[in-house]
């Protein structure tokens, strides 16, 4: 049974490239949401195996979305990987301190995204 990944990102291009990458390279089922609140709801109903979460989004940003996911027993155990263009070490530490599984930087390589995720999540 293929893995189910939820991508939460407000940028259409990022969602499409990441989804296409994970579907074609790894054969995973990919769900998407274009904002934090829709992502939290989708995570509750779909129970993905992992979430790829953008940091900078209007309204509910990535860290706030992550905290919302942690509040519910239905979604708290889902591993979350942050996606960010912020590569300063202070930002990286702040994101890591949230309790996310890892932080990947944008732009990411679509050909290696799935293998990076597998390594982070211990799936291979």
PDB file of N, CA and C in Angstrom:
ATOM      1  N   UNK A   1       0.854  -1.189   0.000  1.00  0.00           N
ATOM      2  CA  UNK A   1       0.000   0.000   0.000  1.00  0.00           C
ATOM      3  C   UNK A   1       0.893   1.244   0.000  1.00  0.00           C
ATOM      4  N   UNK A   2       0.674   2.157  -0.947  1.00  0.00           N
ATOM      5  CA  UNK A   2       1.550   3.330  -1.021  1.00  0.00           C
ATOM      6  C   UNK A   2       1.362   4.273   0.168  1.00  0.00           C
ATOM      7  N   UNK A   3       2.427   4.976   0.487  1.00  0.00           N
ATOM      8  CA  UNK A   3       2.372   5.990   1.538  1.00  0.00           C
ATOM      9  C   UNK A   3       1.448   7.123   1.102  1.00  0.00           C
ATOM     10  N   UNK A   4       0.833   7.772   2.101  1.00  0.00           N
ATOM     11  CA  UNK A   4      -0.032   8.914   1.824  1.00  0.00           C
ATOM     12  C   UNK A   4       0.618  10.150   2.438  1.00  0.00           C
ATOM     13  N   UNK A   5       0.899  11.147   1.588  1.00  0.00           N
ATOM     14  CA  UNK A   5       1.576  12.362   2.023  1.00  0.00           C
ATOM     15  C   UNK A   5       0.654  13.557   1.822  1.00  0.00           C
ATOM     16  N   UNK A   6       0.600  14.432   2.811  1.00  0.00           N
ATOM     17  CA  UNK A   6      -0.163  15.677   2.710  1.00  0.00           C
ATOM     18  C   UNK A   6       0.823  16.829   2.553  1.00  0.00           C
ATOM     19  N   UNK A   7       0.652  17.603   1.488  1.00  0.00           N
ATOM     20  CA  UNK A   7       1.472  18.789   1.262  1.00  0.00           C
ATOM     21  C   UNK A   7       0.616  20.011   1.574  1.00  0.00           C
ATOM     22  N   UNK A   8       1.083  20.826   2.528  1.00  0.00           N
ATOM     23  CA  UNK A   8       0.376  22.058   2.877  1.00  0.00           C
ATOM     24  C   UNK A   8       1.273  23.221   2.489  1.00  0.00           C
ATOM     25  N   UNK A   9       0.876  23.938   1.440  1.00  0.00           N
ATOM     26  CA  UNK A   9       1.682  25.059   0.938  1.00  0.00           C
ATOM     27  C   UNK A   9       0.752  26.002   0.189  1.00  0.00           C
ATOM     28  N   UNK A  10       0.930  27.302   0.373  1.00  0.00           N
ATOM     29  CA  UNK A  10       0.065  28.269  -0.292  1.00  0.00           C
ATOM     30  C   UNK A  10       0.472  28.532  -1.739  1.00  0.00           C
ATOM     31  N   UNK A  11       1.656  28.082  -2.145  1.00  0.00           N
ATOM     32  CA  UNK A  11       2.121  28.311  -3.515  1.00  0.00           C
ATOM     33  C   UNK A  11       1.741  27.131  -4.408  1.00  0.00           C
ATOM     34  N   UNK A  12       0.906  27.419  -5.425  1.00  0.00           N
ATOM     35  CA  UNK A  12       0.442  26.366  -6.348  1.00  0.00           C
ATOM     36  C   UNK A  12       1.598  25.615  -6.987  1.00  0.00           C
ATOM     37  N   UNK A  13       2.626  26.354  -7.445  1.00  0.00           N
ATOM     38  CA  UNK A  13       3.762  25.722  -8.131  1.00  0.00           C
ATOM     39  C   UNK A  13       4.491  24.733  -7.223  1.00  0.00           C
ATOM     40  N   UNK A  14       4.710  25.110  -5.976  1.00  0.00           N
ATOM     41  CA  UNK A  14       5.413  24.233  -5.034  1.00  0.00           C
ATOM     42  C   UNK A  14       4.593  22.972  -4.792  1.00  0.00           C
ATOM     43  N   UNK A  15       3.292  23.134  -4.548  1.00  0.00           N
ATOM     44  CA  UNK A  15       2.422  21.965  -4.325  1.00  0.00           C
ATOM     45  C   UNK A  15       2.462  21.039  -5.526  1.00  0.00           C
ATOM     46  N   UNK A  16       2.354  21.603  -6.734  1.00  0.00           N
ATOM     47  CA  UNK A  16       2.316  20.778  -7.941  1.00  0.00           C
ATOM     48  C   UNK A  16       3.635  20.045  -8.180  1.00  0.00           C
ATOM     49  N   UNK A  17       4.755  20.753  -8.037  1.00  0.00           N
ATOM     50  CA  UNK A  17       6.064  20.122  -8.263  1.00  0.00           C
ATOM     51  C   UNK A  17       6.315  19.033  -7.219  1.00  0.00           C
ATOM     52  N   UNK A  18       6.041  19.339  -5.945  1.00  0.00           N
ATOM     53  CA  UNK A  18       6.264  18.350  -4.888  1.00  0.00           C
ATOM     54  C   UNK A  18       5.350  17.136  -5.082  1.00  0.00           C
ATOM     55  N   UNK A  19       4.087  17.377  -5.403  1.00  0.00           N
ATOM     56  CA  UNK A  19       3.140  16.274  -5.591  1.00  0.00           C
ATOM     57  C   UNK A  19       3.564  15.395  -6.768  1.00  0.00           C
ATOM     58  N   UNK A  20       3.883  16.020  -7.886  1.00  0.00           N
ATOM     59  CA  UNK A  20       4.308  15.269  -9.061  1.00  0.00           C
ATOM     60  C   UNK A  20       5.567  14.461  -8.752  1.00  0.00           C
ATOM     61  N   UNK A  21       6.495  15.077  -8.041  1.00  0.00           N
ATOM     62  CA  UNK A  21       7.741  14.415  -7.665  1.00  0.00           C
ATOM     63  C   UNK A  21       7.475  13.175  -6.809  1.00  0.00           C
ATOM     64  N   UNK A  22       6.685  13.328  -5.760  1.00  0.00           N
ATOM     65  CA  UNK A  22       6.440  12.216  -4.829  1.00  0.00           C
ATOM     66  C   UNK A  22       5.601  11.110  -5.474  1.00  0.00           C
ATOM     67  N   UNK A  23       4.684  11.494  -6.356  1.00  0.00           N
ATOM     68  CA  UNK A  23       3.860  10.492  -7.044  1.00  0.00           C
ATOM     69  C   UNK A  23       4.688   9.724  -8.074  1.00  0.00           C
ATOM     70  N   UNK A  24       5.467  10.437  -8.879  1.00  0.00           N
ATOM     71  CA  UNK A  24       6.179   9.766  -9.974  1.00  0.00           C
ATOM     72  C   UNK A  24       7.445   9.054  -9.509  1.00  0.00           C
ATOM     73  N   UNK A  25       8.189   9.652  -8.577  1.00  0.00           N
ATOM     74  CA  UNK A  25       9.442   9.043  -8.135  1.00  0.00           C
ATOM     75  C   UNK A  25       9.199   7.927  -7.114  1.00  0.00           C
ATOM     76  N   UNK A  26       8.314   8.163  -6.151  1.00  0.00           N
ATOM     77  CA  UNK A  26       8.113   7.189  -5.073  1.00  0.00           C
ATOM     78  C   UNK A  26       6.822   6.386  -5.200  1.00  0.00           C
ATOM     79  N   UNK A  27       5.902   6.844  -6.037  1.00  0.00           N
ATOM     80  CA  UNK A  27       4.630   6.140  -6.164  1.00  0.00           C
ATOM     81  C   UNK A  27       3.693   6.370  -4.994  1.00  0.00           C
ATOM     82  N   UNK A  28       3.904   7.459  -4.260  1.00  0.00           N
ATOM     83  CA  UNK A  28       3.061   7.755  -3.106  1.00  0.00           C
ATOM     84  C   UNK A  28       1.774   8.441  -3.530  1.00  0.00           C
ATOM     85  N   UNK A  29       0.745   8.315  -2.700  1.00  0.00           N
ATOM     86  CA  UNK A  29      -0.494   9.059  -2.884  1.00  0.00           C
ATOM     87  C   UNK A  29      -0.288  10.418  -2.232  1.00  0.00           C
ATOM     88  N   UNK A  30      -0.612  11.485  -2.946  1.00  0.00           N
ATOM     89  CA  UNK A  30      -0.375  12.825  -2.431  1.00  0.00           C
ATOM     90  C   UNK A  30      -1.679  13.596  -2.343  1.00  0.00           C
ATOM     91  N   UNK A  31      -1.893  14.180  -1.184  1.00  0.00           N
ATOM     92  CA  UNK A  31      -3.032  15.063  -0.932  1.00  0.00           C
ATOM     93  C   UNK A  31      -2.453  16.460  -0.769  1.00  0.00           C
ATOM     94  N   UNK A  32      -3.246  17.491  -1.073  1.00  0.00           N
ATOM     95  CA  UNK A  32      -2.737  18.847  -0.915  1.00  0.00           C
ATOM     96  C   UNK A  32      -3.753  19.739  -0.213  1.00  0.00           C
ATOM     97  N   UNK A  33      -3.217  20.803   0.375  1.00  0.00           N
ATOM     98  CA  UNK A  33      -4.034  21.858   0.966  1.00  0.00           C
ATOM     99  C   UNK A  33      -3.288  23.165   0.744  1.00  0.00           C
ATOM    100  N   UNK A  34      -4.034  24.236   0.459  1.00  0.00           N
ATOM    101  CA  UNK A  34      -3.376  25.496   0.136  1.00  0.00           C
ATOM    102  C   UNK A  34      -3.276  26.474   1.299  1.00  0.00           C
ATOM    103  N   UNK A  35      -3.661  26.049   2.495  1.00  0.00           N
ATOM    104  CA  UNK A  35      -3.470  26.890   3.682  1.00  0.00           C
ATOM    105  C   UNK A  35      -3.491  26.018   4.933  1.00  0.00           C
ATOM    106  N   UNK A  36      -3.075  26.602   6.043  1.00  0.00           N
ATOM    107  CA  UNK A  36      -2.938  25.847   7.283  1.00  0.00           C
ATOM    108  C   UNK A  36      -4.228  25.250   7.803  1.00  0.00           C
ATOM    109  N   UNK A  37      -5.305  26.036   7.827  1.00  0.00           N
ATOM    110  CA  UNK A  37      -6.547  25.502   8.391  1.00  0.00           C
ATOM    111  C   UNK A  37      -7.113  24.372   7.530  1.00  0.00           C
ATOM    112  N   UNK A  38      -7.024  24.514   6.208  1.00  0.00           N
ATOM    113  CA  UNK A  38      -7.475  23.426   5.322  1.00  0.00           C
ATOM    114  C   UNK A  38      -6.586  22.200   5.508  1.00  0.00           C
ATOM    115  N   UNK A  39      -5.292  22.428   5.742  1.00  0.00           N
ATOM    116  CA  UNK A  39      -4.357  21.324   5.956  1.00  0.00           C
ATOM    117  C   UNK A  39      -4.655  20.557   7.232  1.00  0.00           C
ATOM    118  N   UNK A  40      -4.960  21.282   8.302  1.00  0.00           N
ATOM    119  CA  UNK A  40      -5.296  20.630   9.577  1.00  0.00           C
ATOM    120  C   UNK A  40      -6.542  19.770   9.400  1.00  0.00           C
ATOM    121  N   UNK A  41      -7.558  20.305   8.720  1.00  0.00           N
ATOM    122  CA  UNK A  41      -8.792  19.557   8.494  1.00  0.00           C
ATOM    123  C   UNK A  41      -8.536  18.329   7.626  1.00  0.00           C
ATOM    124  N   UNK A  42      -7.737  18.500   6.589  1.00  0.00           N
ATOM    125  CA  UNK A  42      -7.422  17.380   5.691  1.00  0.00           C
ATOM    126  C   UNK A  42      -6.648  16.293   6.442  1.00  0.00           C
ATOM    127  N   UNK A  43      -5.730  16.704   7.318  1.00  0.00           N
ATOM    128  CA  UNK A  43      -4.964  15.741   8.109  1.00  0.00           C
ATOM    129  C   UNK A  43      -5.889  14.946   9.029  1.00  0.00           C
ATOM    130  N   UNK A  44      -6.868  15.619   9.620  1.00  0.00           N
ATOM    131  CA  UNK A  44      -7.813  14.936  10.522  1.00  0.00           C
ATOM    132  C   UNK A  44      -8.643  13.899   9.775  1.00  0.00           C
ATOM    133  N   UNK A  45      -9.090  14.243   8.575  1.00  0.00           N
ATOM    134  CA  UNK A  45      -9.975  13.337   7.848  1.00  0.00           C
ATOM    135  C   UNK A  45      -9.225  12.263   7.064  1.00  0.00           C
ATOM    136  N   UNK A  46      -8.049  12.583   6.543  1.00  0.00           N
ATOM    137  CA  UNK A  46      -7.332  11.658   5.663  1.00  0.00           C
ATOM    138  C   UNK A  46      -6.254  10.820   6.351  1.00  0.00           C
ATOM    139  N   UNK A  47      -5.788  11.254   7.522  1.00  0.00           N
ATOM    140  CA  UNK A  47      -4.745  10.536   8.281  1.00  0.00           C
ATOM    141  C   UNK A  47      -3.526  10.180   7.412  1.00  0.00           C
ATOM    142  N   UNK A  48      -2.809  11.194   6.889  1.00  0.00           N
ATOM    143  CA  UNK A  48      -1.639  10.894   6.052  1.00  0.00           C
ATOM    144  C   UNK A  48      -0.509  10.265   6.874  1.00  0.00           C
ATOM    145  N   UNK A  49       0.428   9.617   6.164  1.00  0.00           N
ATOM    146  CA  UNK A  49       1.592   9.016   6.819  1.00  0.00           C
ATOM    147  C   UNK A  49       2.618  10.073   7.205  1.00  0.00           C
ATOM    148  N   UNK A  50       2.613  11.208   6.499  1.00  0.00           N
ATOM    149  CA  UNK A  50       3.527  12.311   6.797  1.00  0.00           C
ATOM    150  C   UNK A  50       2.974  13.582   6.175  1.00  0.00           C
ATOM    151  N   UNK A  51       3.453  14.719   6.692  1.00  0.00           N
ATOM    152  CA  UNK A  51       3.025  16.029   6.192  1.00  0.00           C
ATOM    153  C   UNK A  51       4.253  16.844   5.815  1.00  0.00           C
ATOM    154  N   UNK A  52       4.198  17.424   4.637  1.00  0.00           N
ATOM    155  CA  UNK A  52       5.210  18.370   4.171  1.00  0.00           C
ATOM    156  C   UNK A  52       4.564  19.739   4.313  1.00  0.00           C
ATOM    157  N   UNK A  53       5.104  20.584   5.188  1.00  0.00           N
ATOM    158  CA  UNK A  53       4.432  21.815   5.609  1.00  0.00           C
ATOM    159  C   UNK A  53       5.281  23.047   5.342  1.00  0.00           C
ATOM    160  N   UNK A  54       4.731  23.980   4.587  1.00  0.00           N
ATOM    161  CA  UNK A  54       5.397  25.250   4.312  1.00  0.00           C
ATOM    162  C   UNK A  54       5.419  26.104   5.579  1.00  0.00           C
ATOM    163  N   UNK A  55       6.504  26.839   5.773  1.00  0.00           N
ATOM    164  CA  UNK A  55       6.619  27.710   6.950  1.00  0.00           C
ATOM    165  C   UNK A  55       5.870  29.017   6.752  1.00  0.00           C
ATOM    166  N   UNK A  56       6.122  29.683   5.633  1.00  0.00           N
ATOM    167  CA  UNK A  56       5.560  31.013   5.392  1.00  0.00           C
ATOM    168  C   UNK A  56       4.265  30.919   4.584  1.00  0.00           C
ATOM    169  N   UNK A  57       3.126  31.103   5.283  1.00  0.00           N
ATOM    170  CA  UNK A  57       1.832  31.112   4.612  1.00  0.00           C
ATOM    171  C   UNK A  57       1.002  32.230   5.225  1.00  0.00           C
ATOM    172  N   UNK A  58       0.142  32.859   4.426  1.00  0.00           N
ATOM    173  CA  UNK A  58      -0.739  33.885   4.997  1.00  0.00           C
ATOM    174  C   UNK A  58      -1.754  33.239   5.936  1.00  0.00           C
ATOM    175  N   UNK A  59      -2.228  34.002   6.881  1.00  0.00           N
ATOM    176  CA  UNK A  59      -3.191  33.461   7.844  1.00  0.00           C
ATOM    177  C   UNK A  59      -2.471  32.597   8.863  1.00  0.00           C
ATOM    178  N   UNK A  60      -2.713  31.305   8.810  1.00  0.00           N
ATOM    179  CA  UNK A  60      -2.081  30.362   9.734  1.00  0.00           C
ATOM    180  C   UNK A  60      -0.758  29.894   9.125  1.00  0.00           C
ATOM    181  N   UNK A  61       0.360  30.340   9.704  1.00  0.00           N
ATOM    182  CA  UNK A  61       1.666  29.944   9.162  1.00  0.00           C
ATOM    183  C   UNK A  61       2.012  28.510   9.560  1.00  0.00           C
ATOM    184  N   UNK A  62       3.148  28.028   9.076  1.00  0.00           N
ATOM    185  CA  UNK A  62       3.541  26.644   9.326  1.00  0.00           C
ATOM    186  C   UNK A  62       3.676  26.281  10.799  1.00  0.00           C
ATOM    187  N   UNK A  63       4.441  27.082  11.579  1.00  0.00           N
ATOM    188  CA  UNK A  63       4.555  26.751  13.012  1.00  0.00           C
ATOM    189  C   UNK A  63       3.202  26.716  13.730  1.00  0.00           C
ATOM    190  N   UNK A  64       2.302  27.634  13.400  1.00  0.00           N
ATOM    191  CA  UNK A  64       0.967  27.645  14.014  1.00  0.00           C
ATOM    192  C   UNK A  64       0.175  26.409  13.577  1.00  0.00           C
ATOM    193  N   UNK A  65       0.285  26.067  12.297  1.00  0.00           N
ATOM    194  CA  UNK A  65      -0.387  24.869  11.781  1.00  0.00           C
ATOM    195  C   UNK A  65       0.136  23.629  12.513  1.00  0.00           C
ATOM    196  N   UNK A  66       1.459  23.544  12.684  1.00  0.00           N
ATOM    197  CA  UNK A  66       2.051  22.408  13.391  1.00  0.00           C
ATOM    198  C   UNK A  66       1.507  22.312  14.816  1.00  0.00           C
ATOM    199  N   UNK A  67       1.432  23.438  15.511  1.00  0.00           N
ATOM    200  CA  UNK A  67       0.900  23.430  16.889  1.00  0.00           C
ATOM    201  C   UNK A  67      -0.556  22.972  16.912  1.00  0.00           C
ATOM    202  N   UNK A  68      -1.338  23.372  15.907  1.00  0.00           N
ATOM    203  CA  UNK A  68      -2.730  22.916  15.811  1.00  0.00           C
ATOM    204  C   UNK A  68      -2.791  21.395  15.612  1.00  0.00           C
ATOM    205  N   UNK A  69      -1.923  20.876  14.759  1.00  0.00           N
ATOM    206  CA  UNK A  69      -1.874  19.429  14.529  1.00  0.00           C
ATOM    207  C   UNK A  69      -1.515  18.690  15.819  1.00  0.00           C
ATOM    208  N   UNK A  70      -0.642  19.270  16.629  1.00  0.00           N
ATOM    209  CA  UNK A  70      -0.204  18.638  17.871  1.00  0.00           C
ATOM    210  C   UNK A  70      -1.298  18.600  18.933  1.00  0.00           C
ATOM    211  N   UNK A  71      -2.290  19.474  18.827  1.00  0.00           N
ATOM    212  CA  UNK A  71      -3.366  19.548  19.822  1.00  0.00           C
ATOM    213  C   UNK A  71      -4.349  18.384  19.735  1.00  0.00           C
ATOM    214  N   UNK A  72      -4.436  17.752  18.563  1.00  0.00           N
ATOM    215  CA  UNK A  72      -5.429  16.705  18.352  1.00  0.00           C
ATOM    216  C   UNK A  72      -4.788  15.322  18.396  1.00  0.00           C
ATOM    217  N   UNK A  73      -5.404  14.407  19.128  1.00  0.00           N
ATOM    218  CA  UNK A  73      -4.873  13.043  19.188  1.00  0.00           C
ATOM    219  C   UNK A  73      -4.939  12.374  17.817  1.00  0.00           C
ATOM    220  N   UNK A  74      -5.827  12.853  16.948  1.00  0.00           N
ATOM    221  CA  UNK A  74      -5.962  12.273  15.608  1.00  0.00           C
ATOM    222  C   UNK A  74      -4.784  12.627  14.707  1.00  0.00           C
ATOM    223  N   UNK A  75      -4.081  13.738  15.007  1.00  0.00           N
ATOM    224  CA  UNK A  75      -3.012  14.189  14.115  1.00  0.00           C
ATOM    225  C   UNK A  75      -1.660  14.382  14.795  1.00  0.00           C
ATOM    226  N   UNK A  76      -1.609  14.291  16.104  1.00  0.00           N
ATOM    227  CA  UNK A  76      -0.367  14.582  16.830  1.00  0.00           C
ATOM    228  C   UNK A  76       0.783  13.648  16.480  1.00  0.00           C
ATOM    229  N   UNK A  77       0.490  12.419  16.114  1.00  0.00           N
ATOM    230  CA  UNK A  77       1.552  11.445  15.840  1.00  0.00           C
ATOM    231  C   UNK A  77       2.039  11.472  14.389  1.00  0.00           C
ATOM    232  N   UNK A  78       1.404  12.261  13.539  1.00  0.00           N
ATOM    233  CA  UNK A  78       1.813  12.327  12.137  1.00  0.00           C
ATOM    234  C   UNK A  78       3.126  13.105  12.034  1.00  0.00           C
ATOM    235  N   UNK A  79       4.175  12.503  11.458  1.00  0.00           N
ATOM    236  CA  UNK A  79       5.444  13.227  11.339  1.00  0.00           C
ATOM    237  C   UNK A  79       5.314  14.400  10.364  1.00  0.00           C
ATOM    238  N   UNK A  80       5.894  15.538  10.760  1.00  0.00           N
ATOM    239  CA  UNK A  80       5.833  16.750   9.956  1.00  0.00           C
ATOM    240  C   UNK A  80       7.242  17.177   9.554  1.00  0.00           C
ATOM    241  N   UNK A  81       7.405  17.462   8.265  1.00  0.00           N
ATOM    242  CA  UNK A  81       8.655  18.003   7.738  1.00  0.00           C
ATOM    243  C   UNK A  81       8.353  19.403   7.232  1.00  0.00           C
ATOM    244  N   UNK A  82       9.076  20.382   7.751  1.00  0.00           N
ATOM    245  CA  UNK A  82       8.869  21.760   7.302  1.00  0.00           C
ATOM    246  C   UNK A  82       9.616  22.018   6.006  1.00  0.00           C
ATOM    247  N   UNK A  83       9.015  22.836   5.164  1.00  0.00           N
ATOM    248  CA  UNK A  83       9.636  23.314   3.928  1.00  0.00           C
ATOM    249  C   UNK A  83       9.797  24.821   4.074  1.00  0.00           C
ATOM    250  N   UNK A  84      11.009  25.332   3.900  1.00  0.00           N
ATOM    251  CA  UNK A  84      11.204  26.765   4.067  1.00  0.00           C
ATOM    252  C   UNK A  84      12.300  27.318   3.177  1.00  0.00           C
ATOM    253  N   UNK A  85      12.142  28.580   2.839  1.00  0.00           N
ATOM    254  CA  UNK A  85      13.199  29.294   2.121  1.00  0.00           C
ATOM    255  C   UNK A  85      14.136  29.959   3.124  1.00  0.00           C
ATOM    256  N   UNK A  86      13.748  29.968   4.396  1.00  0.00           N
ATOM    257  CA  UNK A  86      14.575  30.584   5.445  1.00  0.00           C
ATOM    258  C   UNK A  86      15.671  29.609   5.848  1.00  0.00           C
ATOM    259  N   UNK A  87      16.901  29.966   5.551  1.00  0.00           N
ATOM    260  CA  UNK A  87      18.005  29.039   5.812  1.00  0.00           C
ATOM    261  C   UNK A  87      18.974  29.545   6.880  1.00  0.00           C
ATOM    262  N   UNK A  88      18.640  30.642   7.545  1.00  0.00           N
ATOM    263  CA  UNK A  88      19.491  31.141   8.625  1.00  0.00           C
ATOM    264  C   UNK A  88      19.508  30.120   9.763  1.00  0.00           C
ATOM    265  N   UNK A  89      20.650  29.961  10.390  1.00  0.00           N
ATOM    266  CA  UNK A  89      20.760  28.942  11.442  1.00  0.00           C
ATOM    267  C   UNK A  89      19.813  29.225  12.611  1.00  0.00           C
ATOM    268  N   UNK A  90      19.573  30.491  12.930  1.00  0.00           N
ATOM    269  CA  UNK A  90      18.638  30.821  14.015  1.00  0.00           C
ATOM    270  C   UNK A  90      17.227  30.356  13.666  1.00  0.00           C
ATOM    271  N   UNK A  91      16.834  30.552  12.412  1.00  0.00           N
ATOM    272  CA  UNK A  91      15.514  30.086  11.975  1.00  0.00           C
ATOM    273  C   UNK A  91      15.447  28.565  12.030  1.00  0.00           C
ATOM    274  N   UNK A  92      16.487  27.900  11.539  1.00  0.00           N
ATOM    275  CA  UNK A  92      16.532  26.430  11.530  1.00  0.00           C
ATOM    276  C   UNK A  92      16.390  25.886  12.959  1.00  0.00           C
ATOM    277  N   UNK A  93      17.101  26.494  13.914  1.00  0.00           N
ATOM    278  CA  UNK A  93      17.009  26.042  15.314  1.00  0.00           C
ATOM    279  C   UNK A  93      15.604  26.252  15.866  1.00  0.00           C
ATOM    280  N   UNK A  94      15.026  27.410  15.557  1.00  0.00           N
ATOM    281  CA  UNK A  94      13.674  27.712  16.050  1.00  0.00           C
ATOM    282  C   UNK A  94      12.681  26.690  15.510  1.00  0.00           C
ATOM    283  N   UNK A  95      12.809  26.333  14.228  1.00  0.00           N
ATOM    284  CA  UNK A  95      11.905  25.343  13.633  1.00  0.00           C
ATOM    285  C   UNK A  95      12.134  23.963  14.254  1.00  0.00           C
ATOM    286  N   UNK A  96      13.389  23.594  14.442  1.00  0.00           N
ATOM    287  CA  UNK A  96      13.711  22.291  15.042  1.00  0.00           C
ATOM    288  C   UNK A  96      13.172  22.211  16.466  1.00  0.00           C
ATOM    289  N   UNK A  97      13.203  23.333  17.191  1.00  0.00           N
ATOM    290  CA  UNK A  97      12.707  23.365  18.564  1.00  0.00           C
ATOM    291  C   UNK A  97      11.198  23.142  18.654  1.00  0.00           C
ATOM    292  N   UNK A  98      10.490  23.315  17.554  1.00  0.00           N
ATOM    293  CA  UNK A  98       9.045  23.069  17.540  1.00  0.00           C
ATOM    294  C   UNK A  98       8.734  21.592  17.779  1.00  0.00           C
ATOM    295  N   UNK A  99       9.648  20.722  17.335  1.00  0.00           N
ATOM    296  CA  UNK A  99       9.390  19.290  17.450  1.00  0.00           C
ATOM    297  C   UNK A  99       9.062  18.645  16.114  1.00  0.00           C
ATOM    298  N   UNK A 100       9.301  19.375  15.017  1.00  0.00           N
ATOM    299  CA  UNK A 100       9.080  18.769  13.702  1.00  0.00           C
ATOM    300  C   UNK A 100      10.167  17.737  13.450  1.00  0.00           C
ATOM    301  N   UNK A 101       9.928  16.836  12.512  1.00  0.00           N
ATOM    302  CA  UNK A 101      10.875  15.763  12.233  1.00  0.00           C
ATOM    303  C   UNK A 101      12.138  16.295  11.557  1.00  0.00           C
ATOM    304  N   UNK A 102      11.966  17.278  10.658  1.00  0.00           N
ATOM    305  CA  UNK A 102      13.121  17.841   9.942  1.00  0.00           C
ATOM    306  C   UNK A 102      12.692  19.125   9.251  1.00  0.00           C
ATOM    307  N   UNK A 103      13.688  19.840   8.741  1.00  0.00           N
ATOM    308  CA  UNK A 103      13.454  21.051   7.964  1.00  0.00           C
ATOM    309  C   UNK A 103      14.168  20.898   6.629  1.00  0.00           C
ATOM    310  N   UNK A 104      13.426  21.003   5.530  1.00  0.00           N
ATOM    311  CA  UNK A 104      14.004  20.972   4.190  1.00  0.00           C
ATOM    312  C   UNK A 104      13.927  22.375   3.606  1.00  0.00           C
ATOM    313  N   UNK A 105      14.947  22.754   2.854  1.00  0.00           N
ATOM    314  CA  UNK A 105      14.963  24.100   2.296  1.00  0.00           C
ATOM    315  C   UNK A 105      14.430  24.137   0.873  1.00  0.00           C
ATOM    316  N   UNK A 106      13.812  25.258   0.559  1.00  0.00           N
ATOM    317  CA  UNK A 106      13.384  25.554  -0.804  1.00  0.00           C
ATOM    318  C   UNK A 106      14.500  26.359  -1.439  1.00  0.00           C
ATOM    319  N   UNK A 107      14.772  26.213  -2.710  1.00  0.00           N
ATOM    320  CA  UNK A 107      14.136  25.229  -3.586  1.00  0.00           C
ATOM    321  C   UNK A 107      14.672  23.831  -3.296  1.00  0.00           C
ATOM    322  N   UNK A 108      13.806  22.841  -3.406  1.00  0.00           N
ATOM    323  CA  UNK A 108      14.214  21.445  -3.198  1.00  0.00           C
ATOM    324  C   UNK A 108      14.415  20.797  -4.561  1.00  0.00           C
ATOM    325  N   UNK A 109      15.116  19.683  -4.560  1.00  0.00           N
ATOM    326  CA  UNK A 109      15.341  18.934  -5.799  1.00  0.00           C
ATOM    327  C   UNK A 109      14.214  17.914  -5.939  1.00  0.00           C
ATOM    328  N   UNK A 110      13.343  18.076  -6.941  1.00  0.00           N
ATOM    329  CA  UNK A 110      12.220  17.150  -7.093  1.00  0.00           C
ATOM    330  C   UNK A 110      12.647  15.694  -7.264  1.00  0.00           C
ATOM    331  N   UNK A 111      13.825  15.468  -7.819  1.00  0.00           N
ATOM    332  CA  UNK A 111      14.278  14.086  -8.046  1.00  0.00           C
ATOM    333  C   UNK A 111      14.731  13.402  -6.766  1.00  0.00           C
ATOM    334  N   UNK A 112      15.118  14.166  -5.748  1.00  0.00           N
ATOM    335  CA  UNK A 112      15.593  13.560  -4.499  1.00  0.00           C
ATOM    336  C   UNK A 112      14.654  13.801  -3.313  1.00  0.00           C
ATOM    337  N   UNK A 113      13.565  14.524  -3.519  1.00  0.00           N
ATOM    338  CA  UNK A 113      12.656  14.841  -2.409  1.00  0.00           C
ATOM    339  C   UNK A 113      12.150  13.580  -1.706  1.00  0.00           C
ATOM    340  N   UNK A 114      11.695  12.595  -2.472  1.00  0.00           N
ATOM    341  CA  UNK A 114      11.157  11.364  -1.869  1.00  0.00           C
ATOM    342  C   UNK A 114      12.233  10.632  -1.076  1.00  0.00           C
ATOM    343  N   UNK A 115      13.441  10.522  -1.616  1.00  0.00           N
ATOM    344  CA  UNK A 115      14.493   9.808  -0.881  1.00  0.00           C
ATOM    345  C   UNK A 115      14.914  10.578   0.364  1.00  0.00           C
ATOM    346  N   UNK A 116      14.909  11.903   0.297  1.00  0.00           N
ATOM    347  CA  UNK A 116      15.201  12.697   1.496  1.00  0.00           C
ATOM    348  C   UNK A 116      14.149  12.420   2.571  1.00  0.00           C
ATOM    349  N   UNK A 117      12.898  12.398   2.162  1.00  0.00           N
ATOM    350  CA  UNK A 117      11.813  12.141   3.117  1.00  0.00           C
ATOM    351  C   UNK A 117      11.916  10.735   3.694  1.00  0.00           C
ATOM    352  N   UNK A 118      12.200   9.745   2.851  1.00  0.00           N
ATOM    353  CA  UNK A 118      12.343   8.361   3.334  1.00  0.00           C
ATOM    354  C   UNK A 118      13.447   8.265   4.381  1.00  0.00           C
ATOM    355  N   UNK A 119      14.545   8.926   4.124  1.00  0.00           N
ATOM    356  CA  UNK A 119      15.670   8.888   5.065  1.00  0.00           C
ATOM    357  C   UNK A 119      15.286   9.554   6.389  1.00  0.00           C
ATOM    358  N   UNK A 120      14.674  10.734   6.311  1.00  0.00           N
ATOM    359  CA  UNK A 120      14.257  11.469   7.509  1.00  0.00           C
ATOM    360  C   UNK A 120      13.268  10.635   8.336  1.00  0.00           C
ATOM    361  N   UNK A 121      12.336   9.977   7.644  1.00  0.00           N
ATOM    362  CA  UNK A 121      11.251   9.259   8.328  1.00  0.00           C
ATOM    363  C   UNK A 121      11.602   7.805   8.637  1.00  0.00           C
ATOM    364  N   UNK A 122      12.792   7.351   8.188  1.00  0.00           N
ATOM    365  CA  UNK A 122      13.187   5.974   8.456  1.00  0.00           C
ATOM    366  C   UNK A 122      12.363   4.953   7.710  1.00  0.00           C
ATOM    367  N   UNK A 123      11.918   5.299   6.512  1.00  0.00           N
ATOM    368  CA  UNK A 123      11.049   4.415   5.736  1.00  0.00           C
ATOM    369  C   UNK A 123      11.803   3.435   4.864  1.00  0.00           C
ATOM    370  N   UNK A 124      13.111   3.590   4.719  1.00  0.00           N
ATOM    371  CA  UNK A 124      13.861   2.655   3.852  1.00  0.00           C
ATOM    372  C   UNK A 124      14.987   2.040   4.609  1.00  0.00           C
TER     373      UNK A 124
END
